[in-house]
Protein backbone atom coordinates (compact mmCIF):
# COMPACT_ATOMS: atom_id res chain seq x y z
CA MET A 1 78.77 72.05 14.72
CA LYS A 2 75.66 74.10 13.74
CA THR A 3 77.43 77.18 14.68
CA LEU A 4 80.58 76.39 12.82
CA LEU A 5 78.68 75.58 9.63
CA LEU A 6 76.75 78.79 9.90
CA ILE A 7 79.92 80.77 10.38
CA LEU A 8 81.60 79.22 7.46
CA GLY A 9 78.56 79.67 5.27
CA VAL A 10 78.12 83.28 6.08
CA ALA A 11 81.90 83.85 5.64
CA LEU A 12 81.81 82.29 2.12
CA ILE A 13 78.84 84.40 1.29
CA ILE A 14 80.51 87.71 2.42
CA ILE A 15 83.81 86.81 0.63
CA GLY A 16 82.14 85.86 -2.75
CA LEU A 17 79.72 88.89 -2.70
CA GLN A 18 82.48 91.42 -1.87
CA ASP A 19 84.72 89.97 -4.54
CA ALA A 20 81.99 89.96 -7.30
CA ALA A 21 80.81 93.48 -6.36
CA ARG A 22 84.28 94.78 -6.50
CA LEU A 23 84.78 93.24 -9.99
CA LEU A 24 81.52 94.55 -11.10
CA ALA A 25 82.33 98.09 -9.90
CA ASP A 26 85.92 98.10 -11.32
CA SER A 27 86.72 95.38 -14.11
CA ASP A 28 90.42 96.13 -13.57
CA ALA A 29 90.37 95.31 -9.78
CA ILE A 30 92.47 92.22 -8.70
CA SER A 31 90.07 89.32 -7.68
CA ILE A 32 90.91 86.82 -4.99
CA PHE A 33 90.29 84.37 -7.80
CA GLY A 34 92.84 85.89 -9.91
CA TRP A 35 94.76 82.71 -10.10
CA ILE A 36 91.94 81.07 -12.12
CA PRO A 37 92.59 81.40 -15.78
CA GLY A 38 89.74 82.79 -17.99
CA GLY A 39 89.42 86.49 -17.27
CA TYR A 40 86.63 88.67 -16.00
CA ILE A 41 83.63 86.51 -16.49
CA VAL A 42 85.29 83.44 -14.97
CA HIS A 43 86.35 85.44 -11.92
CA ILE A 44 82.82 86.83 -11.39
CA ALA A 45 81.33 83.32 -11.93
CA ALA A 46 83.77 81.93 -9.23
CA GLY A 47 82.60 84.57 -6.66
CA ILE A 48 79.04 83.66 -7.47
CA ILE A 49 79.82 79.96 -7.05
CA VAL A 50 81.39 80.73 -3.65
CA VAL A 51 78.20 82.69 -2.65
CA VAL A 52 76.04 79.67 -3.66
CA ALA A 53 78.16 77.29 -1.82
CA GLY A 54 78.05 79.49 1.27
CA ALA A 55 74.33 79.73 1.11
CA LEU A 56 73.99 75.88 0.64
CA LEU A 57 76.34 75.34 3.73
CA ALA A 58 74.49 77.95 5.87
CA SER A 59 71.04 76.42 4.96
CA TYR A 60 72.36 73.00 5.75
CA ALA A 61 73.48 73.86 9.27
CA PRO A 62 70.02 74.20 10.85
CA LYS A 63 69.18 70.63 9.63
CA THR A 64 72.08 69.04 11.53
CA LYS A 65 71.49 67.71 15.00
CA SER A 66 73.49 69.21 17.89
CA LYS A 67 74.80 67.02 20.68
């Protein structure tokens, strides 16, 4: 369970950072959050929220007990 949480957390961090960095470098790029209405700022905020969620998930993993 620990390993799965760590993998999911790191994957979310990578996806969110990659998307936010791509949007910061090229504001006309297509975001993976393009389906969310609101424009450029909302898409960057969505990427940052995914990064924070991944970091929280990855930091929670070491606190769980393995069987």
